Amino acid sequence: MSESTTGKMEKAIGFIGAGNMAEAMIKGLLSAGVVKAAKISGSDPRRERVAELKAKYGIHATTHNEDVMRRAEIVVLSVKPQILPSVCDQIAPHLKPRALVISIAAGVPVAVIEAHLPAGTRVVRVMPNTPALVGSGATAIAAGGHATDDDLAIAKQIFDAVGMTVILDEEQLDAVTGLSGSGPAYVFLIIEALSDAGVKMGLSRYNAQALAAQTILGSAKLLIDTGEHPGRLKDMVTSPGGTAIAGLHTLEAGGLRTTLINAVEAATRRSRELGDAARASVERKP
């Protein structure tokens, strides 16, 4: 039986890079009881950040990546995409022979990661989003060429601790980046616009923002809990000759639906461009 089916993970997990997303994962893993603090380590170049993680979570934290690599059987690469190749070069000599590598660096293909690690390394690429910081993330997982079903199950167990996960082919991760990866930015813009509208109509900024945010949250929960098609739920709000249909008419006239589709398409296209550039840099290596 794999660890992912037992509810408790016995392997040691190490985070290379201990920013907000890594902290969200650490917090989620501990809160869900998936792994004990003694089995988690993390590295960050900032000494104050290391001290903070030790104090808050009781994990092993260090300024040296090599210290994490000596402990970790599962290595989570949570550094910025532009420095990921050099970080992989640095940690490669210290990687345990059977270690699983999980990357959350946006836009960096598995092939690029594998090129900077020992041959045969098992890599899983993951695209999370920022609501993971509050335990409500939407994450997509894709296996590299050497990853097993058990590796995918372990990655899923880790990210289920901070939200929901889906397993996809790597070719679909650019679309995920355009939709759920970038999506929080679109939603925040919508909340800000709704809040502005409330202020224009006489509400206080505090009340307008609170009502707008809760409306988005409640609507999403209603959709998820009922499993209804969003069009049907929309129709439930829309009375003949009423206020909602007047507002919807204005949104359709303004091209909201088309604009959101175009936004996801543009972000997906940009993700593909970044991935292609990363692949090209590997192909140019001597």
C-alpha atoms as a PDB file:
ATOM      1  CA  MET A   1       0.000   0.000   0.000  1.00  0.00           C
ATOM      2  CA  SER A   2       1.392   3.428  -0.923  1.00  0.00           C
ATOM      3  CA  GLU A   3       1.753   6.145   1.673  1.00  0.00           C
ATOM      4  CA  SER A   4      -0.902   8.204  -0.073  1.00  0.00           C
ATOM      5  CA  THR A   5      -3.575   5.696   0.883  1.00  0.00           C
ATOM      6  CA  THR A   6      -2.646   5.494   4.561  1.00  0.00           C
ATOM      7  CA  GLY A   7      -3.400   9.115   5.477  1.00  0.00           C
ATOM      8  CA  LYS A   8       0.046   9.640   7.049  1.00  0.00           C
ATOM      9  CA  MET A   9       3.249  10.309   5.139  1.00  0.00           C
ATOM     10  CA  GLU A  10       6.451   8.831   6.561  1.00  0.00           C
ATOM     11  CA  LYS A  11       8.896  10.242   4.008  1.00  0.00           C
ATOM     12  CA  ALA A  12      10.858  13.370   4.900  1.00  0.00           C
ATOM     13  CA  ILE A  13       9.834  16.434   2.885  1.00  0.00           C
ATOM     14  CA  GLY A  14      12.224  19.266   2.088  1.00  0.00           C
ATOM     15  CA  PHE A  15      11.357  22.667   0.646  1.00  0.00           C
ATOM     16  CA  ILE A  16      14.024  24.422  -1.414  1.00  0.00           C
ATOM     17  CA  GLY A  17      12.786  27.980  -1.047  1.00  0.00           C
ATOM     18  CA  ALA A  18      10.526  28.908   1.842  1.00  0.00           C
ATOM     19  CA  GLY A  19       8.299  31.696   0.537  1.00  0.00           C
ATOM     20  CA  ASN A  20       4.557  32.123   0.896  1.00  0.00           C
ATOM     21  CA  MET A  21       3.554  29.068  -1.145  1.00  0.00           C
ATOM     22  CA  ALA A  22       5.995  26.800   0.680  1.00  0.00           C
ATOM     23  CA  GLU A  23       4.686  28.085   4.013  1.00  0.00           C
ATOM     24  CA  ALA A  24       1.104  27.433   2.890  1.00  0.00           C
ATOM     25  CA  MET A  25       2.027  23.846   2.098  1.00  0.00           C
ATOM     26  CA  ILE A  26       3.858  23.373   5.397  1.00  0.00           C
ATOM     27  CA  LYS A  27       0.918  24.788   7.323  1.00  0.00           C
ATOM     28  CA  GLY A  28      -1.555  22.626   5.383  1.00  0.00           C
ATOM     29  CA  LEU A  29       0.445  19.429   5.827  1.00  0.00           C
ATOM     30  CA  LEU A  30       0.745  19.962   9.567  1.00  0.00           C
ATOM     31  CA  SER A  31      -2.883  21.035  10.028  1.00  0.00           C
ATOM     32  CA  ALA A  32      -4.137  17.994   8.115  1.00  0.00           C
ATOM     33  CA  GLY A  33      -1.853  15.685  10.069  1.00  0.00           C
ATOM     34  CA  VAL A  34      -0.311  14.384   6.854  1.00  0.00           C
ATOM     35  CA  VAL A  35       3.250  14.634   8.163  1.00  0.00           C
ATOM     36  CA  LYS A  36       4.961  15.480  11.445  1.00  0.00           C
ATOM     37  CA  ALA A  37       7.006  18.657  11.859  1.00  0.00           C
ATOM     38  CA  ALA A  38      10.134  16.564  12.494  1.00  0.00           C
ATOM     39  CA  LYS A  39       9.832  15.235   8.926  1.00  0.00           C
ATOM     40  CA  ILE A  40       9.734  18.697   7.304  1.00  0.00           C
ATOM     41  CA  SER A  41      12.707  20.898   6.456  1.00  0.00           C
ATOM     42  CA  GLY A  42      13.043  24.095   4.499  1.00  0.00           C
ATOM     43  CA  SER A  43      15.767  26.411   3.249  1.00  0.00           C
ATOM     44  CA  ASP A  44      15.804  30.154   2.718  1.00  0.00           C
ATOM     45  CA  PRO A  45      18.745  32.570   2.351  1.00  0.00           C
ATOM     46  CA  ARG A  46      17.192  34.984   4.890  1.00  0.00           C
ATOM     47  CA  ARG A  47      18.123  34.162   8.486  1.00  0.00           C
ATOM     48  CA  GLU A  48      15.067  35.967   9.854  1.00  0.00           C
ATOM     49  CA  ARG A  49      12.815  33.811   7.656  1.00  0.00           C
ATOM     50  CA  VAL A  50      14.531  30.648   8.900  1.00  0.00           C
ATOM     51  CA  ALA A  51      13.979  31.710  12.511  1.00  0.00           C
ATOM     52  CA  GLU A  52      10.330  32.520  11.779  1.00  0.00           C
ATOM     53  CA  LEU A  53       9.613  29.095  10.275  1.00  0.00           C
ATOM     54  CA  LYS A  54      11.292  27.311  13.176  1.00  0.00           C
ATOM     55  CA  ALA A  55       9.277  29.296  15.714  1.00  0.00           C
ATOM     56  CA  LYS A  56       5.896  28.989  13.950  1.00  0.00           C
ATOM     57  CA  TYR A  57       5.977  25.363  12.841  1.00  0.00           C
ATOM     58  CA  GLY A  58       8.776  23.570  14.687  1.00  0.00           C
ATOM     59  CA  ILE A  59      10.346  22.334  11.448  1.00  0.00           C
ATOM     60  CA  HIS A  60      14.037  22.104  10.609  1.00  0.00           C
ATOM     61  CA  ALA A  61      14.878  25.338   8.785  1.00  0.00           C
ATOM     62  CA  THR A  62      18.244  26.371   7.427  1.00  0.00           C
ATOM     63  CA  THR A  63      19.980  28.825   5.119  1.00  0.00           C
ATOM     64  CA  HIS A  64      21.746  25.971   3.291  1.00  0.00           C
ATOM     65  CA  ASN A  65      20.035  23.950   0.549  1.00  0.00           C
ATOM     66  CA  GLU A  66      22.473  21.086   1.127  1.00  0.00           C
ATOM     67  CA  ASP A  67      21.136  20.603   4.668  1.00  0.00           C
ATOM     68  CA  VAL A  68      17.646  20.066   3.270  1.00  0.00           C
ATOM     69  CA  MET A  69      18.896  17.677   0.591  1.00  0.00           C
ATOM     70  CA  ARG A  70      20.596  15.461   3.165  1.00  0.00           C
ATOM     71  CA  ARG A  71      17.256  14.968   4.917  1.00  0.00           C
ATOM     72  CA  ALA A  72      14.667  15.008   2.147  1.00  0.00           C
ATOM     73  CA  GLU A  73      13.183  12.014   0.361  1.00  0.00           C
ATOM     74  CA  ILE A  74      10.648  14.338  -1.283  1.00  0.00           C
ATOM     75  CA  VAL A  75      12.123  17.619  -2.536  1.00  0.00           C
ATOM     76  CA  VAL A  76       9.753  20.490  -3.308  1.00  0.00           C
ATOM     77  CA  LEU A  77      11.295  23.147  -5.552  1.00  0.00           C
ATOM     78  CA  SER A  78       9.548  26.342  -4.494  1.00  0.00           C
ATOM     79  CA  VAL A  79      11.868  28.977  -5.935  1.00  0.00           C
ATOM     80  CA  LYS A  80      11.271  31.571  -8.637  1.00  0.00           C
ATOM     81  CA  PRO A  81      11.216  30.140 -12.190  1.00  0.00           C
ATOM     82  CA  GLN A  82      14.133  32.267 -13.395  1.00  0.00           C
ATOM     83  CA  ILE A  83      16.543  30.792 -10.826  1.00  0.00           C
ATOM     84  CA  LEU A  84      15.230  27.214 -10.898  1.00  0.00           C
ATOM     85  CA  PRO A  85      17.822  25.821 -13.353  1.00  0.00           C
ATOM     86  CA  SER A  86      20.752  27.137 -11.322  1.00  0.00           C
ATOM     87  CA  VAL A  87      19.194  25.859  -8.084  1.00  0.00           C
ATOM     88  CA  CYS A  88      18.770  22.415  -9.672  1.00  0.00           C
ATOM     89  CA  ASP A  89      22.440  22.460 -10.701  1.00  0.00           C
ATOM     90  CA  GLN A  90      23.383  23.265  -7.113  1.00  0.00           C
ATOM     91  CA  ILE A  91      21.295  20.571  -5.437  1.00  0.00           C
ATOM     92  CA  ALA A  92      21.792  17.826  -8.053  1.00  0.00           C
ATOM     93  CA  PRO A  93      24.944  16.344  -6.458  1.00  0.00           C
ATOM     94  CA  HIS A  94      23.137  16.081  -3.104  1.00  0.00           C
ATOM     95  CA  LEU A  95      19.892  14.468  -4.320  1.00  0.00           C
ATOM     96  CA  LYS A  96      19.138  11.093  -2.743  1.00  0.00           C
ATOM     97  CA  PRO A  97      19.110   8.271  -5.344  1.00  0.00           C
ATOM     98  CA  ARG A  98      15.372   7.521  -4.965  1.00  0.00           C
ATOM     99  CA  ALA A  99      14.200  11.029  -4.107  1.00  0.00           C
ATOM    100  CA  LEU A 100      11.036  12.451  -5.674  1.00  0.00           C
ATOM    101  CA  VAL A 101      11.306  16.030  -6.979  1.00  0.00           C
ATOM    102  CA  ILE A 102       8.183  18.215  -7.100  1.00  0.00           C
ATOM    103  CA  SER A 103       8.400  21.597  -8.846  1.00  0.00           C
ATOM    104  CA  ILE A 104       5.909  24.423  -8.344  1.00  0.00           C
ATOM    105  CA  ALA A 105       7.853  26.866 -10.546  1.00  0.00           C
ATOM    106  CA  ALA A 106       5.368  28.297 -13.041  1.00  0.00           C
ATOM    107  CA  GLY A 107       6.076  27.709 -16.714  1.00  0.00           C
ATOM    108  CA  VAL A 108       9.225  25.589 -16.322  1.00  0.00           C
ATOM    109  CA  PRO A 109       8.753  22.305 -18.246  1.00  0.00           C
ATOM    110  CA  VAL A 110       9.677  18.932 -16.789  1.00  0.00           C
ATOM    111  CA  ALA A 111      12.283  18.476 -19.525  1.00  0.00           C
ATOM    112  CA  VAL A 112      14.149  21.553 -18.317  1.00  0.00           C
ATOM    113  CA  ILE A 113      14.118  20.367 -14.704  1.00  0.00           C
ATOM    114  CA  GLU A 114      15.235  16.854 -15.680  1.00  0.00           C
ATOM    115  CA  ALA A 115      18.098  18.293 -17.747  1.00  0.00           C
ATOM    116  CA  HIS A 116      19.562  19.882 -14.606  1.00  0.00           C
ATOM    117  CA  LEU A 117      19.159  16.819 -12.371  1.00  0.00           C
ATOM    118  CA  PRO A 118      20.692  13.316 -12.424  1.00  0.00           C
ATOM    119  CA  ALA A 119      19.460  11.039 -15.220  1.00  0.00           C
ATOM    120  CA  GLY A 120      16.327   9.126 -14.279  1.00  0.00           C
ATOM    121  CA  THR A 121      15.209  11.539 -11.545  1.00  0.00           C
ATOM    122  CA  ARG A 122      11.484  11.260 -10.850  1.00  0.00           C
ATOM    123  CA  VAL A 123       9.930  14.700 -11.351  1.00  0.00           C
ATOM    124  CA  VAL A 124       6.353  15.868 -10.847  1.00  0.00           C
ATOM    125  CA  ARG A 125       5.403  19.338 -12.076  1.00  0.00           C
ATOM    126  CA  VAL A 126       2.684  21.179 -10.186  1.00  0.00           C
ATOM    127  CA  MET A 127       0.718  24.359 -10.889  1.00  0.00           C
ATOM    128  CA  PRO A 128      -0.877  25.665  -7.660  1.00  0.00           C
ATOM    129  CA  ASN A 129      -2.466  29.068  -7.100  1.00  0.00           C
ATOM    130  CA  THR A 130      -2.370  31.662  -4.340  1.00  0.00           C
ATOM    131  CA  PRO A 131      -5.634  30.673  -2.561  1.00  0.00           C
ATOM    132  CA  ALA A 132      -3.551  27.741  -1.276  1.00  0.00           C
ATOM    133  CA  LEU A 133      -2.382  30.335   1.278  1.00  0.00           C
ATOM    134  CA  VAL A 134      -5.811  30.026   2.939  1.00  0.00           C
ATOM    135  CA  GLY A 135      -6.314  26.312   2.295  1.00  0.00           C
ATOM    136  CA  SER A 136      -8.486  26.843  -0.801  1.00  0.00           C
ATOM    137  CA  GLY A 137      -6.043  26.286  -3.621  1.00  0.00           C
ATOM    138  CA  ALA A 138      -6.730  24.818  -7.054  1.00  0.00           C
ATOM    139  CA  THR A 139      -3.754  22.716  -8.139  1.00  0.00           C
ATOM    140  CA  ALA A 140      -2.924  20.700 -11.251  1.00  0.00           C
ATOM    141  CA  ILE A 141      -0.324  17.923 -11.196  1.00  0.00           C
ATOM    142  CA  ALA A 142       1.557  16.349 -14.113  1.00  0.00           C
ATOM    143  CA  ALA A 143       4.060  13.499 -14.127  1.00  0.00           C
ATOM    144  CA  GLY A 144       7.504  13.641 -15.669  1.00  0.00           C
ATOM    145  CA  GLY A 145       8.892  10.819 -17.779  1.00  0.00           C
ATOM    146  CA  HIS A 146      10.179   8.770 -14.835  1.00  0.00           C
ATOM    147  CA  ALA A 147       7.445   9.505 -12.268  1.00  0.00           C
ATOM    148  CA  THR A 148       5.208   6.648 -11.118  1.00  0.00           C
ATOM    149  CA  ASP A 149       1.556   6.474 -10.137  1.00  0.00           C
ATOM    150  CA  ASP A 150       2.670   6.409  -6.487  1.00  0.00           C
ATOM    151  CA  ASP A 151       4.644   9.625  -7.076  1.00  0.00           C
ATOM    152  CA  LEU A 152       1.507  11.299  -8.436  1.00  0.00           C
ATOM    153  CA  ALA A 153      -0.486  10.051  -5.454  1.00  0.00           C
ATOM    154  CA  ILE A 154       2.092  11.484  -3.038  1.00  0.00           C
ATOM    155  CA  ALA A 155       2.043  14.854  -4.819  1.00  0.00           C
ATOM    156  CA  LYS A 156      -1.755  14.832  -4.740  1.00  0.00           C
ATOM    157  CA  GLN A 157      -1.755  14.068  -1.016  1.00  0.00           C
ATOM    158  CA  ILE A 158       0.552  17.021  -0.373  1.00  0.00           C
ATOM    159  CA  PHE A 159      -1.529  19.517  -2.360  1.00  0.00           C
ATOM    160  CA  ASP A 160      -4.870  18.183  -1.174  1.00  0.00           C
ATOM    161  CA  ALA A 161      -3.755  19.572   2.201  1.00  0.00           C
ATOM    162  CA  VAL A 162      -4.091  23.126   0.781  1.00  0.00           C
ATOM    163  CA  GLY A 163      -7.160  22.761  -1.462  1.00  0.00           C
ATOM    164  CA  MET A 164      -8.259  20.557  -4.372  1.00  0.00           C
ATOM    165  CA  THR A 165      -6.124  18.884  -7.019  1.00  0.00           C
ATOM    166  CA  VAL A 166      -6.493  17.419 -10.500  1.00  0.00           C
ATOM    167  CA  ILE A 167      -4.034  15.193 -12.365  1.00  0.00           C
ATOM    168  CA  LEU A 168      -3.431  16.169 -15.990  1.00  0.00           C
ATOM    169  CA  ASP A 169      -0.942  15.730 -18.825  1.00  0.00           C
ATOM    170  CA  GLU A 170       1.867  18.282 -18.802  1.00  0.00           C
ATOM    171  CA  GLU A 171       0.664  19.698 -22.126  1.00  0.00           C
ATOM    172  CA  GLN A 172      -2.435  20.979 -20.303  1.00  0.00           C
ATOM    173  CA  LEU A 173      -0.550  22.899 -17.607  1.00  0.00           C
ATOM    174  CA  ASP A 174      -0.239  26.041 -19.714  1.00  0.00           C
ATOM    175  CA  ALA A 175      -4.038  26.212 -19.872  1.00  0.00           C
ATOM    176  CA  VAL A 176      -4.156  25.647 -16.120  1.00  0.00           C
ATOM    177  CA  THR A 177      -1.719  28.528 -15.679  1.00  0.00           C
ATOM    178  CA  GLY A 178      -3.986  30.757 -17.773  1.00  0.00           C
ATOM    179  CA  LEU A 179      -7.133  29.702 -15.917  1.00  0.00           C
ATOM    180  CA  SER A 180      -6.596  28.869 -12.238  1.00  0.00           C
ATOM    181  CA  GLY A 181      -2.959  29.954 -11.907  1.00  0.00           C
ATOM    182  CA  SER A 182      -3.642  33.488 -13.128  1.00  0.00           C
ATOM    183  CA  GLY A 183      -7.359  33.366 -12.305  1.00  0.00           C
ATOM    184  CA  PRO A 184      -7.151  34.880  -8.813  1.00  0.00           C
ATOM    185  CA  ALA A 185      -5.906  38.114 -10.403  1.00  0.00           C
ATOM    186  CA  TYR A 186      -8.999  38.215 -12.633  1.00  0.00           C
ATOM    187  CA  VAL A 187     -11.304  37.559  -9.675  1.00  0.00           C
ATOM    188  CA  PHE A 188      -9.636  40.242  -7.545  1.00  0.00           C
ATOM    189  CA  LEU A 189     -10.142  42.717 -10.376  1.00  0.00           C
ATOM    190  CA  ILE A 190     -13.827  41.738 -10.560  1.00  0.00           C
ATOM    191  CA  ILE A 191     -14.211  42.144  -6.779  1.00  0.00           C
ATOM    192  CA  GLU A 192     -12.517  45.546  -6.956  1.00  0.00           C
ATOM    193  CA  ALA A 193     -14.820  46.628  -9.791  1.00  0.00           C
ATOM    194  CA  LEU A 194     -17.941  45.437  -7.955  1.00  0.00           C
ATOM    195  CA  SER A 195     -16.747  47.253  -4.846  1.00  0.00           C
ATOM    196  CA  ASP A 196     -16.207  50.444  -6.857  1.00  0.00           C
ATOM    197  CA  ALA A 197     -19.737  50.092  -8.224  1.00  0.00           C
ATOM    198  CA  GLY A 198     -21.124  49.738  -4.716  1.00  0.00           C
ATOM    199  CA  VAL A 199     -19.309  52.896  -3.636  1.00  0.00           C
ATOM    200  CA  LYS A 200     -20.640  54.724  -6.695  1.00  0.00           C
ATOM    201  CA  MET A 201     -24.158  53.691  -5.684  1.00  0.00           C
ATOM    202  CA  GLY A 202     -23.698  55.018  -2.149  1.00  0.00           C
ATOM    203  CA  LEU A 203     -22.269  52.133  -0.083  1.00  0.00           C
ATOM    204  CA  SER A 204     -19.226  52.558   2.122  1.00  0.00           C
ATOM    205  CA  ARG A 205     -15.982  51.076   0.782  1.00  0.00           C
ATOM    206  CA  TYR A 206     -15.858  48.576   3.654  1.00  0.00           C
ATOM    207  CA  ASN A 207     -19.400  47.298   3.105  1.00  0.00           C
ATOM    208  CA  ALA A 208     -19.125  47.286  -0.673  1.00  0.00           C
ATOM    209  CA  GLN A 209     -15.920  45.223  -0.619  1.00  0.00           C
ATOM    210  CA  ALA A 210     -17.230  42.828   2.037  1.00  0.00           C
ATOM    211  CA  LEU A 211     -20.454  42.239   0.101  1.00  0.00           C
ATOM    212  CA  ALA A 212     -18.615  41.802  -3.213  1.00  0.00           C
ATOM    213  CA  ALA A 213     -16.100  39.319  -1.792  1.00  0.00           C
ATOM    214  CA  GLN A 214     -18.732  37.289   0.050  1.00  0.00           C
ATOM    215  CA  THR A 215     -20.893  37.199  -3.079  1.00  0.00           C
ATOM    216  CA  ILE A 216     -18.020  35.682  -5.074  1.00  0.00           C
ATOM    217  CA  LEU A 217     -17.215  33.209  -2.288  1.00  0.00           C
ATOM    218  CA  GLY A 218     -20.837  32.191  -1.739  1.00  0.00           C
ATOM    219  CA  SER A 219     -21.561  31.823  -5.441  1.00  0.00           C
ATOM    220  CA  ALA A 220     -18.535  29.554  -5.917  1.00  0.00           C
ATOM    221  CA  LYS A 221     -19.555  27.444  -2.918  1.00  0.00           C
ATOM    222  CA  LEU A 222     -23.118  27.150  -4.211  1.00  0.00           C
ATOM    223  CA  LEU A 223     -21.824  25.936  -7.575  1.00  0.00           C
ATOM    224  CA  ILE A 224     -19.434  23.402  -6.021  1.00  0.00           C
ATOM    225  CA  ASP A 225     -21.883  22.096  -3.407  1.00  0.00           C
ATOM    226  CA  THR A 226     -24.835  21.697  -5.781  1.00  0.00           C
ATOM    227  CA  GLY A 227     -22.944  20.547  -8.869  1.00  0.00           C
ATOM    228  CA  GLU A 228     -25.385  22.564 -10.969  1.00  0.00           C
ATOM    229  CA  HIS A 229     -24.419  24.109 -14.291  1.00  0.00           C
ATOM    230  CA  PRO A 230     -23.527  27.787 -13.761  1.00  0.00           C
ATOM    231  CA  GLY A 231     -26.083  28.771 -16.391  1.00  0.00           C
ATOM    232  CA  ARG A 232     -28.872  27.145 -14.362  1.00  0.00           C
ATOM    233  CA  LEU A 233     -27.754  28.891 -11.172  1.00  0.00           C
ATOM    234  CA  LYS A 234     -27.654  32.177 -13.095  1.00  0.00           C
ATOM    235  CA  ASP A 235     -31.223  31.601 -14.258  1.00  0.00           C
ATOM    236  CA  MET A 236     -32.322  31.034 -10.635  1.00  0.00           C
ATOM    237  CA  VAL A 237     -31.291  34.622  -9.841  1.00  0.00           C
ATOM    238  CA  THR A 238     -32.770  36.099 -13.009  1.00  0.00           C
ATOM    239  CA  SER A 239     -36.463  37.042 -12.762  1.00  0.00           C
ATOM    240  CA  PRO A 240     -38.436  38.270 -15.796  1.00  0.00           C
ATOM    241  CA  GLY A 241     -38.073  42.016 -16.132  1.00  0.00           C
ATOM    242  CA  GLY A 242     -35.994  42.126 -12.924  1.00  0.00           C
ATOM    243  CA  THR A 243     -32.751  43.677 -11.765  1.00  0.00           C
ATOM    244  CA  ALA A 244     -30.411  40.757 -12.499  1.00  0.00           C
ATOM    245  CA  ILE A 245     -31.376  40.500 -16.170  1.00  0.00           C
ATOM    246  CA  ALA A 246     -30.840  44.239 -16.567  1.00  0.00           C
ATOM    247  CA  GLY A 247     -27.359  43.868 -15.110  1.00  0.00           C
ATOM    248  CA  LEU A 248     -26.604  40.771 -17.209  1.00  0.00           C
ATOM    249  CA  HIS A 249     -27.643  42.589 -20.372  1.00  0.00           C
ATOM    250  CA  THR A 250     -25.092  45.289 -19.582  1.00  0.00           C
ATOM    251  CA  LEU A 251     -22.355  42.727 -18.908  1.00  0.00           C
ATOM    252  CA  GLU A 252     -23.021  40.962 -22.210  1.00  0.00           C
ATOM    253  CA  ALA A 253     -23.086  44.284 -24.067  1.00  0.00           C
ATOM    254  CA  GLY A 254     -19.710  45.112 -22.488  1.00  0.00           C
ATOM    255  CA  GLY A 255     -18.231  41.816 -23.643  1.00  0.00           C
ATOM    256  CA  LEU A 256     -17.426  40.423 -20.192  1.00  0.00           C
ATOM    257  CA  ARG A 257     -17.690  36.787 -21.307  1.00  0.00           C
ATOM    258  CA  THR A 258     -15.473  37.329 -24.357  1.00  0.00           C
ATOM    259  CA  THR A 259     -12.983  39.397 -22.374  1.00  0.00           C
ATOM    260  CA  LEU A 260     -12.538  36.673 -19.738  1.00  0.00           C
ATOM    261  CA  ILE A 261     -12.097  34.008 -22.418  1.00  0.00           C
ATOM    262  CA  ASN A 262      -9.513  36.209 -24.137  1.00  0.00           C
ATOM    263  CA  ALA A 263      -7.705  36.774 -20.825  1.00  0.00           C
ATOM    264  CA  VAL A 264      -7.319  33.035 -20.191  1.00  0.00           C
ATOM    265  CA  GLU A 265      -6.202  32.525 -23.785  1.00  0.00           C
ATOM    266  CA  ALA A 266      -3.609  35.313 -23.549  1.00  0.00           C
ATOM    267  CA  ALA A 267      -2.214  34.020 -20.241  1.00  0.00           C
ATOM    268  CA  THR A 268      -2.056  30.475 -21.636  1.00  0.00           C
ATOM    269  CA  ARG A 269      -0.214  31.693 -24.705  1.00  0.00           C
ATOM    270  CA  ARG A 270       2.277  33.601 -22.525  1.00  0.00           C
ATOM    271  CA  SER A 271       2.870  30.514 -20.389  1.00  0.00           C
ATOM    272  CA  ARG A 272       3.658  28.524 -23.537  1.00  0.00           C
ATOM    273  CA  GLU A 273       6.092  31.204 -24.687  1.00  0.00           C
ATOM    274  CA  LEU A 274       7.943  31.099 -21.375  1.00  0.00           C
ATOM    275  CA  GLY A 275       8.073  27.309 -21.474  1.00  0.00           C
ATOM    276  CA  ASP A 276       9.400  27.332 -25.045  1.00  0.00           C
ATOM    277  CA  ALA A 277      12.119  29.817 -24.044  1.00  0.00           C
ATOM    278  CA  ALA A 278      13.134  27.586 -21.135  1.00  0.00           C
ATOM    279  CA  ARG A 279      13.327  24.532 -23.415  1.00  0.00           C
ATOM    280  CA  ALA A 280      15.396  26.469 -25.950  1.00  0.00           C
ATOM    281  CA  SER A 281      17.917  27.422 -23.261  1.00  0.00           C
ATOM    282  CA  VAL A 282      18.433  23.726 -22.453  1.00  0.00           C
ATOM    283  CA  GLU A 283      18.809  22.812 -26.124  1.00  0.00           C
ATOM    284  CA  ARG A 284      21.522  25.491 -26.499  1.00  0.00           C
ATOM    285  CA  LYS A 285      23.587  23.968 -23.685  1.00  0.00           C
ATOM    286  CA  PRO A 286      26.894  22.531 -24.975  1.00  0.00           C
END
